[in-house]
Protein backbone atom coordinates (compact mmCIF):
# COMPACT_ATOMS: atom_id res chain seq x y z
CA UNK A 1 29.41 50.00 1.21
CA UNK A 2 26.98 48.22 4.04
CA UNK A 3 23.65 49.49 4.62
CA UNK A 4 21.27 48.92 7.39
CA UNK A 5 17.55 47.64 6.73
CA UNK A 6 14.69 46.92 8.45
CA UNK A 7 13.06 44.53 5.84
CA UNK A 8 13.71 40.96 7.04
CA UNK A 9 14.84 39.21 3.55
CA UNK A 10 17.11 36.17 3.85
CA UNK A 11 19.82 35.80 4.05
CA UNK A 12 19.12 37.93 7.61
CA UNK A 13 21.58 39.34 9.97
CA UNK A 14 19.07 39.99 13.07
CA UNK A 15 20.73 42.18 15.79
CA UNK A 16 18.50 42.26 18.80
CA UNK A 17 19.33 41.38 22.76
CA UNK A 18 19.35 37.83 22.13
CA UNK A 19 19.62 37.70 18.48
CA UNK A 20 23.27 38.42 18.08
CA UNK A 21 26.41 37.26 19.35
CA UNK A 22 29.97 37.36 18.40
CA UNK A 23 29.63 33.74 17.68
CA UNK A 24 26.75 33.50 15.61
CA UNK A 25 28.16 36.79 13.46
CA UNK A 26 31.24 34.65 12.52
CA UNK A 27 28.97 31.96 11.39
CA UNK A 28 27.02 34.06 9.35
CA UNK A 29 29.89 34.99 7.38
CA UNK A 30 31.63 31.83 7.24
CA UNK A 31 29.04 30.67 4.72
CA UNK A 32 30.66 33.76 2.72
CA UNK A 33 27.13 34.83 1.74
CA UNK A 34 26.79 36.86 -1.43
CA UNK A 35 24.40 39.25 -0.24
CA UNK A 36 22.88 39.68 2.93
CA UNK A 37 20.39 41.81 4.61
CA UNK A 38 20.57 43.62 8.56
CA UNK A 39 17.27 43.53 10.27
CA UNK A 40 17.02 45.11 13.70
CA UNK A 41 14.55 43.03 16.36
CA UNK A 42 11.16 44.83 17.47
CA UNK A 43 12.66 45.79 20.79
CA UNK A 44 15.60 47.80 18.45
CA UNK A 45 13.32 49.54 15.97
CA UNK A 46 13.67 52.55 18.43
CA UNK A 47 17.71 52.60 18.91
CA UNK A 48 17.93 52.79 15.01
CA UNK A 49 20.30 55.62 14.77
CA UNK A 50 22.11 54.67 18.06
CA UNK A 51 22.73 51.32 16.53
CA UNK A 52 23.35 51.88 13.10
CA UNK A 53 27.21 52.69 13.73
CA UNK A 54 27.65 49.87 16.08
CA UNK A 55 26.46 47.32 14.10
CA UNK A 56 28.01 49.01 10.91
CA UNK A 57 31.74 48.88 12.80
CA UNK A 58 30.75 44.89 13.89
CA UNK A 59 30.00 43.48 10.66
CA UNK A 60 33.04 45.04 9.05
CA UNK A 61 35.38 43.75 11.77
CA UNK A 62 33.84 40.35 11.85
CA UNK A 63 34.07 40.33 8.05
CA UNK A 64 37.73 40.92 8.16
CA UNK A 65 37.98 37.80 10.46
CA UNK A 66 36.24 35.46 8.91
CA UNK A 67 38.09 35.94 5.42
CA UNK A 68 41.33 35.57 7.40
CA UNK A 69 43.24 32.03 6.00
CA UNK A 70 43.35 31.27 10.00
CA UNK A 71 39.97 32.13 10.79
CA UNK A 72 39.91 29.76 14.01
CA UNK A 73 43.07 31.39 15.86
CA UNK A 74 42.10 35.04 14.93
CA UNK A 75 38.07 33.94 15.60
CA UNK A 76 39.49 33.13 19.14
CA UNK A 77 41.39 36.33 19.19
CA UNK A 78 37.95 38.35 18.55
CA UNK A 79 36.38 37.35 21.65
CA UNK A 80 39.08 38.59 23.69
CA UNK A 81 38.06 42.59 25.00
CA UNK A 82 41.26 43.42 24.95
CA UNK A 83 42.01 42.83 21.09
CA UNK A 84 37.86 43.40 19.56
CA UNK A 85 35.88 45.20 22.20
CA UNK A 86 32.45 43.94 19.69
CA UNK A 87 32.38 40.75 22.06
CA UNK A 88 29.18 38.88 22.64
CA UNK A 89 29.72 40.30 26.62
CA UNK A 90 31.62 43.76 25.82
CA UNK A 91 29.30 44.93 22.46
CA UNK A 92 26.03 44.92 24.90
CA UNK A 93 27.32 45.98 27.47
CA UNK A 94 28.89 49.06 25.10
CA UNK A 95 26.59 49.58 22.49
CA UNK A 96 23.04 48.55 24.55
CA UNK A 97 24.01 50.41 27.75
CA UNK A 98 26.84 52.75 27.29
CA UNK A 99 26.36 54.49 30.48
CA UNK A 100 28.77 56.92 32.58
CA UNK A 101 28.02 58.56 35.55
CA UNK A 102 31.48 59.71 37.66
CA UNK A 103 33.44 63.00 38.81
CA UNK A 104 37.42 62.65 38.18
CA UNK A 105 39.50 64.89 40.46
CA UNK A 106 42.85 65.55 39.21
CA UNK A 107 45.76 67.61 40.51
CA UNK A 108 47.35 67.33 36.70
CA UNK A 109 46.68 65.63 33.49
CA UNK A 110 44.03 63.19 34.03
CA UNK A 111 45.27 61.13 30.84
CA UNK A 112 48.82 61.18 31.71
CA UNK A 113 48.13 59.89 35.26
CA UNK A 114 45.67 57.03 34.13
CA UNK A 115 48.46 55.95 31.61
CA UNK A 116 51.16 55.75 34.18
CA UNK A 117 50.05 52.54 35.72
CA UNK A 118 48.86 54.23 39.15
CA UNK A 119 48.63 52.09 41.86
CA UNK A 120 45.29 52.10 43.82
CA UNK A 121 45.20 53.41 46.94
CA UNK A 122 42.84 51.38 48.88
CA UNK A 123 42.95 53.44 52.15
CA UNK A 124 42.37 56.31 50.30
CA UNK A 125 39.72 55.30 47.98
CA UNK A 126 37.66 54.45 51.33
CA UNK A 127 38.14 57.89 53.08
CA UNK A 128 37.75 59.21 49.93
CA UNK A 129 33.79 57.78 49.46
CA UNK A 130 33.17 57.79 53.36
CA UNK A 131 34.38 62.31 52.77
CA UNK A 132 31.78 62.46 49.94
CA UNK A 133 29.07 60.50 50.86
CA UNK A 134 29.22 60.68 55.08
CA UNK A 135 25.39 59.76 55.58
CA UNK A 136 26.00 56.33 53.38
CA UNK A 137 27.00 53.14 55.71
CA UNK A 138 29.23 51.42 52.83
CA UNK A 139 29.62 47.87 52.24
CA UNK A 140 32.70 46.68 50.37
CA UNK A 141 32.11 44.61 47.21
CA UNK A 142 34.43 42.94 44.68
CA UNK A 143 36.54 45.37 42.68
CA UNK A 144 35.44 46.78 39.34
CA UNK A 145 37.55 48.87 36.56
CA UNK A 146 36.84 51.81 34.79
CA UNK A 147 35.21 50.97 32.05
CA UNK A 148 32.40 50.23 34.50
CA UNK A 149 31.50 53.86 36.08
CA UNK A 150 27.53 53.05 35.90
CA UNK A 151 26.84 51.80 39.20
CA UNK A 152 23.11 51.17 40.74
CA UNK A 153 21.36 53.54 42.89
CA UNK A 154 22.82 51.68 45.85
CA UNK A 155 26.21 51.33 44.97
CA UNK A 156 29.74 53.47 44.30
CA UNK A 157 32.29 52.74 42.49
CA UNK A 158 35.42 54.44 43.68
CA UNK A 159 39.69 55.17 43.11
CA UNK A 160 42.07 57.31 44.51
CA UNK A 161 45.66 57.24 43.11
CA UNK A 162 48.56 59.54 43.39
CA UNK A 163 47.25 63.01 41.40
CA UNK A 164 43.88 61.77 40.75
CA UNK A 165 40.79 60.25 42.51
CA UNK A 166 37.41 59.12 40.59
CA UNK A 167 33.95 58.28 41.82
CA UNK A 168 31.26 57.31 40.11
CA UNK A 169 27.38 57.54 41.84
CA UNK A 170 23.78 58.03 40.86
CA UNK A 171 24.35 61.36 41.92
CA UNK A 172 26.72 62.65 39.03
CA UNK A 173 23.75 61.66 36.02
CA UNK A 174 22.38 65.29 35.73
CA UNK A 175 20.61 66.98 33.30
CA UNK A 176 22.25 70.61 34.75
CA UNK A 177 25.90 69.58 35.68
CA UNK A 178 26.18 73.32 36.43
CA UNK A 179 23.88 72.82 39.22
CA UNK A 180 26.13 70.05 40.54
CA UNK A 181 26.19 70.09 44.84
CA UNK A 182 28.61 72.82 45.59
CA UNK A 183 30.07 69.88 48.16
CA UNK A 184 31.08 67.80 45.62
CA UNK A 185 33.03 70.99 44.19
CA UNK A 186 34.80 72.72 47.46
CA UNK A 187 36.25 69.38 48.58
CA UNK A 188 38.55 69.87 45.24
CA UNK A 189 39.66 73.16 45.82
CA UNK A 190 43.18 73.38 43.34
CA UNK A 191 42.68 70.53 41.88
CA UNK A 192 40.53 70.26 38.44
CA UNK A 193 36.72 68.24 38.50
CA UNK A 194 35.56 66.33 35.54
CA UNK A 195 32.00 65.37 35.53
CA UNK A 196 31.43 63.23 32.54
CA UNK A 197 27.98 61.01 32.15
CA UNK A 198 25.77 59.49 29.31
CA UNK A 199 23.05 57.29 28.38
CA UNK A 200 22.75 55.52 25.36
CA UNK A 201 19.39 54.52 25.87
CA UNK A 202 18.04 57.57 25.19
CA UNK A 203 21.15 58.88 23.37
CA UNK A 204 21.87 61.88 26.16
CA UNK A 205 25.26 63.10 27.16
CA UNK A 206 26.60 65.61 29.78
CA UNK A 207 29.91 66.89 30.49
CA UNK A 208 31.43 69.28 32.55
CA UNK A 209 34.59 70.81 34.05
CA UNK A 210 35.37 72.88 37.08
CA UNK A 211 38.82 74.63 38.02
CA UNK A 212 39.69 75.88 41.16
CA UNK A 213 36.05 76.16 42.12
CA UNK A 214 35.20 77.58 38.66
CA UNK A 215 32.86 76.14 35.83
CA UNK A 216 34.64 76.25 33.02
CA UNK A 217 32.39 74.51 30.59
CA UNK A 218 29.11 72.65 30.76
CA UNK A 219 27.29 70.83 28.23
CA UNK A 220 24.16 68.88 28.43
CA UNK A 221 22.22 67.35 25.11
CA UNK A 222 20.07 65.05 23.76
CA UNK A 223 17.41 64.00 20.70
CA UNK A 224 14.53 64.66 22.56
CA UNK A 225 15.65 67.32 24.60
CA UNK A 226 17.64 69.29 23.06
CA UNK A 227 20.40 71.09 24.81
CA UNK A 228 19.80 71.29 28.11
CA UNK A 229 23.19 73.29 29.18
CA UNK A 230 25.89 74.99 26.91
CA UNK A 231 28.03 77.10 29.21
CA UNK A 232 31.46 78.13 28.44
CA UNK A 233 33.52 78.39 25.72
CA UNK A 234 33.93 75.02 23.64
CA UNK A 235 36.94 73.61 23.57
CA UNK A 236 38.85 73.03 20.11
CA UNK A 237 37.93 69.15 20.00
CA UNK A 238 33.81 69.90 19.83
CA UNK A 239 34.35 72.20 16.96
CA UNK A 240 34.33 69.41 14.57
CA UNK A 241 31.29 67.61 15.94
CA UNK A 242 29.47 70.85 15.95
CA UNK A 243 30.38 71.95 12.42
CA UNK A 244 28.76 68.42 11.26
CA UNK A 245 32.44 66.87 10.55
CA UNK A 246 31.24 63.70 12.33
CA UNK A 247 27.53 63.10 11.17
CA UNK A 248 24.78 61.40 12.98
CA UNK A 249 23.09 60.08 9.69
CA UNK A 250 24.11 59.21 6.70
CA UNK A 251 24.91 61.12 3.90
CA UNK A 252 21.62 59.84 1.88
CA UNK A 253 19.31 60.38 4.70
CA UNK A 254 17.52 63.40 5.52
CA UNK A 255 19.58 65.44 7.69
CA UNK A 256 15.89 66.32 9.61
CA UNK A 257 15.65 62.86 10.98
CA UNK A 258 18.00 63.65 13.42
CA UNK A 259 18.04 66.78 15.33
CA UNK A 260 22.26 67.31 15.61
CA UNK A 261 24.82 67.47 13.55
CA UNK A 262 26.23 65.19 15.28
CA UNK A 263 25.54 61.82 18.10
CA UNK A 264 25.80 63.00 21.68
CA UNK A 265 27.25 59.91 22.24
CA UNK A 266 30.10 60.32 19.56
CA UNK A 267 30.88 63.52 21.49
CA UNK A 268 30.84 61.83 24.67
CA UNK A 269 33.58 59.03 23.31
CA UNK A 270 35.55 62.02 22.35
CA UNK A 271 35.08 63.87 25.60
CA UNK A 272 36.59 60.50 27.28
CA UNK A 273 39.67 60.15 24.74
CA UNK A 274 40.49 63.78 25.15
CA UNK A 275 40.69 63.93 28.76
CA UNK A 276 41.39 60.42 29.98
CA UNK A 277 42.53 58.52 27.33
CA UNK A 278 40.30 55.75 26.99
CA UNK A 279 36.97 55.21 25.16
CA UNK A 280 34.10 52.40 25.91
CA UNK A 281 33.22 52.00 21.89
CA UNK A 282 35.32 51.45 18.72
CA UNK A 283 38.35 49.76 17.70
CA UNK A 284 40.84 49.09 20.11
CA UNK A 285 43.63 51.76 19.50
CA UNK A 286 47.29 50.66 21.04
CA UNK A 287 48.05 54.24 21.90
CA UNK A 288 44.50 54.37 24.54
CA UNK A 289 44.24 53.45 27.71
CA UNK A 290 42.31 49.88 28.47
CA UNK A 291 40.15 51.09 30.86
CA UNK A 292 39.37 48.04 32.26
CA UNK A 293 43.04 48.02 33.63
CA UNK A 294 42.42 50.87 36.07
CA UNK A 295 41.21 49.15 38.91
CA UNK A 296 38.78 50.38 41.19
CA UNK A 297 36.84 49.57 44.59
CA UNK A 298 33.17 48.83 44.77
CA UNK A 299 30.68 50.05 47.67
CA UNK A 300 27.51 48.91 48.64
CA UNK A 301 25.74 51.90 50.48
CA UNK A 302 23.13 51.97 52.46
CA UNK A 303 21.59 54.28 54.85
CA UNK A 304 20.46 53.63 58.11
CA UNK A 305 16.71 54.53 59.57
CA UNK A 306 17.42 57.32 61.79
CA UNK A 307 19.76 58.65 58.90
CA UNK A 308 16.72 59.10 56.71
CA UNK A 309 14.48 62.23 58.21
């Protein structure tokens, strides 16, 4: 079994913002070391719990690639996000910056709609963005996709499809989802509204569901703040997490080292899969939606000086 240590003993596979890449990791295992130590760079030690699972999964997958007789072919394949998510670019986007702050409005099952290859309605998307943010001046940017729903403060990511609309903005990364301004809910009466927000740097996750304008479920939690909000009945897919079936720490570690029976980001991924049919981290499952394939529009947002008062 692989285990992460923090003692820099040779041979060492080091993880950090500039220390780990798919190519360097493949090269490391191509040498077929009989043993190795995984260490964190100083910048990474405060993220030990977040980093543990993704580092081990990356190593296990790369070891399988390196052991394959068709090493060069599989190594090239492994660099493609559609085949292996833990690539040089996607690895850090997903695991060192797994963030979302978005709302999804749906008149049906959002997972089924997204998996039906819906066509982006650009005119409806522009109108929808202006409706929700009437005070903002919106300038079109290059398109994005569903894998990136954590825009900076001065951007929106939006997409309207038949039966479903998606919008990502800073306003939705809130600690208390139940306090989402009513204007975002009232504009979707007759639809279900889903809020999904998480930030890997602080292991925070929140989600909420409204149906016909009424809050059905709201949860928000992080290791530092504890459970900030827990409203409504827990859906069945949540129960295994609260029951400790998806522990945040290894079995041999002290349970008291982490405040929850599960990692908030693990539950965040489960919510993405349960309601929207995709995940941002983990091995790609052919049955899951590829979020990169769902095209969204991006806008730069600003306000004229006379609208700031």
